[in-house]
């Protein structure tokens, strides 16, 4: 998996992750460092998250069942492997 694929997967699952952790849109946006308006655009599938926001989601929601299933493993480990390839 590369950055673009991870961005796409995380962006597509963002709303489900937010619901899984009982976050409002405003709370989730604040947690990952984006505006609520941007979050809404991502949840509607109009744009993808930035790499920085994707890293934030993967680190903060590493225990998400939805995210772990979508990336087939630990989201944090995937970010680390992409960032520091061997």
Protein backbone atom coordinates (compact mmCIF):
# COMPACT_ATOMS: atom_id res chain seq x y z
CA UNK A 1 0.00 0.00 0.00
CA UNK A 2 1.29 3.48 -0.82
CA UNK A 3 0.32 6.97 0.37
CA UNK A 4 -2.35 7.52 -2.24
CA UNK A 5 -4.02 4.18 -1.51
CA UNK A 6 -3.97 4.77 2.24
CA UNK A 7 -5.36 8.31 1.80
CA UNK A 8 -8.18 6.90 -0.31
CA UNK A 9 -9.05 4.09 2.10
CA UNK A 10 -8.96 6.28 5.19
CA UNK A 11 -10.97 9.02 3.47
CA UNK A 12 -13.62 6.53 2.36
CA UNK A 13 -13.94 5.07 5.87
CA UNK A 14 -13.72 8.34 7.81
CA UNK A 15 -17.43 8.71 8.49
CA UNK A 16 -17.69 5.13 9.76
CA UNK A 17 -14.65 5.63 12.00
CA UNK A 18 -16.19 8.82 13.37
CA UNK A 19 -19.43 7.00 14.13
CA UNK A 20 -17.57 4.04 15.65
CA UNK A 21 -15.95 6.40 18.19
CA UNK A 22 -19.13 8.44 18.79
CA UNK A 23 -17.55 11.70 17.56
CA UNK A 24 -19.47 14.60 16.11
CA UNK A 25 -18.19 16.11 12.88
CA UNK A 26 -16.86 19.09 14.83
CA UNK A 27 -15.03 16.83 17.30
CA UNK A 28 -13.51 14.67 14.58
CA UNK A 29 -12.40 17.69 12.55
CA UNK A 30 -10.74 19.17 15.62
CA UNK A 31 -9.03 15.88 16.50
CA UNK A 32 -7.43 15.44 13.09
CA UNK A 33 -6.69 19.10 12.48
CA UNK A 34 -9.02 19.97 9.63
CA UNK A 35 -12.04 22.23 9.34
CA UNK A 36 -15.55 20.85 9.72
CA UNK A 37 -16.23 21.99 6.16
CA UNK A 38 -13.31 19.91 4.89
CA UNK A 39 -14.46 16.92 6.93
CA UNK A 40 -17.91 17.14 5.35
CA UNK A 41 -16.34 17.25 1.88
CA UNK A 42 -14.30 14.13 2.69
CA UNK A 43 -17.30 12.29 4.10
CA UNK A 44 -19.28 13.10 0.95
CA UNK A 45 -16.48 11.68 -1.20
CA UNK A 46 -15.70 14.97 -2.91
CA UNK A 47 -12.08 15.16 -1.71
CA UNK A 48 -9.52 12.97 0.04
CA UNK A 49 -7.70 13.72 3.27
CA UNK A 50 -4.21 15.15 3.13
CA UNK A 51 -1.32 12.88 4.07
CA UNK A 52 -0.97 14.68 7.41
CA UNK A 53 -4.65 14.19 8.27
CA UNK A 54 -4.43 10.54 7.20
CA UNK A 55 -1.50 10.03 9.58
CA UNK A 56 -3.51 11.67 12.37
CA UNK A 57 -6.48 9.37 11.78
CA UNK A 58 -4.26 6.27 11.65
CA UNK A 59 -2.48 7.19 14.88
CA UNK A 60 -5.48 8.41 16.88
CA UNK A 61 -7.83 5.66 15.72
CA UNK A 62 -5.34 2.79 15.48
CA UNK A 63 -7.74 0.59 17.47
CA UNK A 64 -10.64 1.15 15.07
CA UNK A 65 -12.06 -2.16 13.89
CA UNK A 66 -13.27 -0.49 10.70
CA UNK A 67 -9.87 1.00 9.93
CA UNK A 68 -7.92 -2.17 10.82
CA UNK A 69 -10.17 -4.21 8.54
CA UNK A 70 -9.89 -1.69 5.70
CA UNK A 71 -6.07 -1.64 5.77
CA UNK A 72 -5.70 -5.29 6.79
CA UNK A 73 -3.61 -4.64 9.89
CA UNK A 74 -2.38 -1.89 12.15
CA UNK A 75 -2.94 1.53 10.55
CA UNK A 76 -0.02 2.95 12.55
CA UNK A 77 2.33 0.24 11.25
CA UNK A 78 1.19 0.87 7.67
CA UNK A 79 1.95 4.59 8.03
CA UNK A 80 5.36 3.77 9.46
CA UNK A 81 6.14 1.31 6.66
CA UNK A 82 5.13 3.82 4.01
CA UNK A 83 7.10 6.61 5.66
CA UNK A 84 10.24 4.55 6.33
CA UNK A 85 10.48 1.87 3.63
CA UNK A 86 13.17 -0.75 4.13
